[in-house]
Amino acid sequence: MILAHSSYVKKVVFPLGTLPVVVVLGALITAAFGLLIVILGHALYSGRVEATAPLFILIIIPYLLLLLASAYVLSALGVYLRDIGQIVSFVVTASMFLTPIFYPISSVPPSFRTLMQLNPLTIVVEETRSVLLFGQAPNWQALAFLWMGALVALPAAIWVFNRLRAGFADVL
């Protein structure tokens, strides 16, 4: 994303740290429409909206913070490693199959479940299902793990971005 806006780096005094935020917020808007369709579909099918649905905010906020952390690091690295987009594309595709999106985690052999539960996306997907579709309270321990990871990852990512930012104009 920094590469796409290289003129901001070279010619204008521009707060480059806002570019990853804009990308994540844009993705949030798209995801919100998809989520609205899921909630409406569930409401039409089951005849109700789950009482636990407001707890979804406790799941989405740390997820957004993790996405923002990823955006900061990847945008900074993308200036120096031009092919990182292809790597990210592969990783995203692989994560779709390594995260229980298309299948419940209960269908995964127990020996692999622990490994899969270390994936933050697994926590987000499973807990979102619990609160939005099944009317269950989230797994508070998993949610605490997600929050801790997000609260550590974001400041670290901003630090990496700011450290690498000094060389953006030279590389571009």
Protein backbone atom coordinates (compact mmCIF):
# COMPACT_ATOMS: atom_id res chain seq x y z
CA MET A 1 0.00 0.00 0.00
CA ILE A 2 2.96 2.32 0.54
CA LEU A 3 4.18 1.40 -2.95
CA ALA A 4 0.84 2.43 -4.43
CA HIS A 5 1.15 5.85 -2.81
CA SER A 6 4.86 6.51 -3.29
CA SER A 7 4.24 10.17 -4.12
CA TYR A 8 3.04 10.65 -0.54
CA VAL A 9 6.41 9.42 0.66
CA LYS A 10 8.57 11.49 -1.66
CA LYS A 11 6.81 14.77 -2.35
CA VAL A 12 4.28 15.55 0.34
CA VAL A 13 4.36 15.62 4.11
CA PHE A 14 1.80 12.92 4.71
CA PRO A 15 1.10 10.77 7.77
CA LEU A 16 2.00 7.41 6.21
CA GLY A 17 0.74 5.59 9.28
CA THR A 18 -2.81 6.33 8.18
CA LEU A 19 -2.55 4.20 5.02
CA PRO A 20 -2.76 0.82 6.82
CA VAL A 21 -5.64 2.17 8.93
CA VAL A 22 -7.55 3.19 5.80
CA VAL A 23 -7.06 -0.26 4.25
CA VAL A 24 -8.27 -2.06 7.39
CA LEU A 25 -11.29 0.24 7.77
CA GLY A 26 -12.17 -0.30 4.12
CA ALA A 27 -12.06 -4.06 4.66
CA LEU A 28 -14.18 -3.63 7.80
CA ILE A 29 -16.92 -1.94 5.80
CA THR A 30 -16.97 -4.78 3.28
CA ALA A 31 -16.97 -7.38 6.06
CA ALA A 32 -19.79 -5.57 7.86
CA PHE A 33 -22.05 -6.00 4.85
CA GLY A 34 -21.23 -9.71 4.68
CA LEU A 35 -21.81 -10.08 8.40
CA LEU A 36 -25.14 -8.31 8.12
CA ILE A 37 -26.20 -10.82 5.47
CA VAL A 38 -25.18 -13.71 7.74
CA ILE A 39 -27.08 -12.27 10.70
CA LEU A 40 -30.18 -11.58 8.60
CA GLY A 41 -30.00 -15.05 7.04
CA HIS A 42 -29.70 -16.63 10.47
CA ALA A 43 -32.59 -14.53 11.78
CA LEU A 44 -34.79 -15.54 8.85
CA TYR A 45 -33.84 -19.21 9.18
CA SER A 46 -34.07 -19.51 12.96
CA GLY A 47 -36.60 -16.76 13.61
CA ARG A 48 -34.37 -14.94 16.10
CA VAL A 49 -31.20 -13.00 16.63
CA GLU A 50 -29.15 -14.59 19.38
CA ALA A 51 -29.05 -12.76 22.71
CA THR A 52 -25.28 -13.21 22.76
CA ALA A 53 -24.82 -11.28 19.49
CA PRO A 54 -23.69 -8.05 21.23
CA LEU A 55 -20.69 -9.99 22.58
CA PHE A 56 -19.41 -10.08 19.01
CA ILE A 57 -17.82 -6.68 19.62
CA LEU A 58 -15.43 -8.37 22.09
CA ILE A 59 -14.30 -10.64 19.27
CA ILE A 60 -14.07 -8.19 16.40
CA ILE A 61 -12.05 -5.47 18.16
CA PRO A 62 -8.96 -7.60 18.88
CA TYR A 63 -9.28 -9.12 15.42
CA LEU A 64 -9.22 -5.65 13.88
CA LEU A 65 -6.20 -4.75 16.01
CA LEU A 66 -4.41 -7.86 14.73
CA LEU A 67 -5.34 -6.99 11.16
CA LEU A 68 -4.03 -3.48 11.68
CA ALA A 69 -0.79 -4.87 13.10
CA SER A 70 -0.45 -7.11 10.06
CA ALA A 71 -1.17 -4.20 7.74
CA TYR A 72 1.52 -2.05 9.37
CA VAL A 73 4.18 -4.74 9.13
CA LEU A 74 3.27 -5.91 5.64
CA SER A 75 3.03 -2.39 4.23
CA ALA A 76 6.44 -1.51 5.63
CA LEU A 77 8.01 -4.74 4.41
CA GLY A 78 6.32 -4.32 1.03
CA VAL A 79 8.44 -1.27 0.34
CA TYR A 80 11.61 -3.33 0.68
CA LEU A 81 10.35 -6.72 -0.50
CA ARG A 82 8.32 -6.02 -3.61
CA ASP A 83 7.02 -9.58 -4.03
CA ILE A 84 5.50 -9.80 -0.58
CA GLY A 85 2.03 -9.47 -2.12
CA GLN A 86 2.38 -12.87 -3.80
CA ILE A 87 3.53 -14.44 -0.54
CA VAL A 88 0.64 -12.89 1.37
CA SER A 89 -1.81 -14.14 -1.25
CA PHE A 90 -0.52 -17.69 -0.78
CA VAL A 91 -0.62 -17.42 3.02
CA VAL A 92 -4.20 -16.09 2.96
CA THR A 93 -5.33 -18.96 0.74
CA ALA A 94 -3.59 -21.51 2.94
CA SER A 95 -5.06 -19.97 6.08
CA MET A 96 -8.56 -20.35 4.65
CA PHE A 97 -8.05 -24.10 4.73
CA LEU A 98 -6.07 -24.21 7.98
CA THR A 99 -8.73 -22.24 9.84
CA PRO A 100 -12.06 -23.91 10.62
CA ILE A 101 -14.06 -21.70 8.29
CA PHE A 102 -15.53 -24.41 6.09
CA TYR A 103 -15.71 -27.02 8.84
CA PRO A 104 -16.17 -27.05 12.62
CA ILE A 105 -13.07 -27.49 14.74
CA SER A 106 -14.73 -30.53 16.32
CA SER A 107 -14.16 -32.38 13.03
CA VAL A 108 -10.39 -31.93 13.35
CA PRO A 109 -8.49 -34.81 15.00
CA PRO A 110 -7.70 -33.97 18.64
CA SER A 111 -3.96 -34.16 17.98
CA PHE A 112 -4.21 -31.19 15.58
CA ARG A 113 -6.82 -29.15 17.47
CA THR A 114 -4.33 -27.68 19.92
CA LEU A 115 -2.13 -26.55 17.06
CA MET A 116 -5.09 -25.03 15.22
CA GLN A 117 -6.24 -23.20 18.33
CA LEU A 118 -2.97 -21.26 18.35
CA ASN A 119 -4.13 -19.63 15.12
CA PRO A 120 -5.86 -16.33 16.05
CA LEU A 121 -8.26 -16.77 13.13
CA THR A 122 -9.50 -20.02 14.64
CA ILE A 123 -10.45 -18.16 17.80
CA VAL A 124 -12.22 -15.44 15.82
CA VAL A 125 -14.16 -17.89 13.64
CA GLU A 126 -15.15 -20.27 16.44
CA GLU A 127 -16.15 -17.54 18.88
CA THR A 128 -18.08 -15.65 16.20
CA ARG A 129 -20.04 -18.82 15.45
CA SER A 130 -20.69 -19.30 19.14
CA VAL A 131 -22.09 -15.85 19.83
CA LEU A 132 -23.84 -15.09 16.53
CA LEU A 133 -25.18 -18.45 15.41
CA PHE A 134 -25.38 -20.72 18.45
CA GLY A 135 -26.28 -18.23 21.18
CA GLN A 136 -23.41 -19.38 23.39
CA ALA A 137 -21.10 -17.25 25.47
CA PRO A 138 -17.60 -17.01 24.05
CA ASN A 139 -14.70 -18.99 25.44
CA TRP A 140 -13.34 -16.30 27.74
CA GLN A 141 -9.90 -17.89 27.97
CA ALA A 142 -9.52 -17.94 24.18
CA LEU A 143 -10.81 -14.38 24.00
CA ALA A 144 -8.26 -13.26 26.61
CA PHE A 145 -5.52 -14.91 24.53
CA LEU A 146 -6.77 -13.03 21.46
CA TRP A 147 -6.87 -9.69 23.29
CA MET A 148 -3.38 -10.18 24.74
CA GLY A 149 -1.99 -11.06 21.34
CA ALA A 150 -3.61 -8.01 19.76
CA LEU A 151 -2.45 -5.64 22.49
CA VAL A 152 1.12 -6.88 22.09
CA ALA A 153 1.12 -7.14 18.29
CA LEU A 154 -0.16 -3.66 17.45
CA PRO A 155 2.45 -1.60 19.34
CA ALA A 156 5.17 -3.94 18.06
CA ALA A 157 3.93 -3.52 14.49
CA ILE A 158 3.78 0.26 14.80
CA TRP A 159 7.33 0.20 16.13
CA VAL A 160 8.47 -1.90 13.13
CA PHE A 161 6.65 0.42 10.73
CA ASN A 162 8.26 3.51 12.25
CA ARG A 163 11.72 1.93 12.19
CA LEU A 164 11.44 0.93 8.53
CA ARG A 165 9.72 4.16 7.52
CA ALA A 166 12.96 6.13 7.61
CA GLY A 167 14.17 4.38 4.45
CA PHE A 168 10.95 4.50 2.43
CA ALA A 169 11.91 7.56 0.37
CA ASP A 170 15.34 6.10 -0.42
CA VAL A 171 13.92 2.80 -1.65
CA LEU A 172 11.03 4.29 -3.60
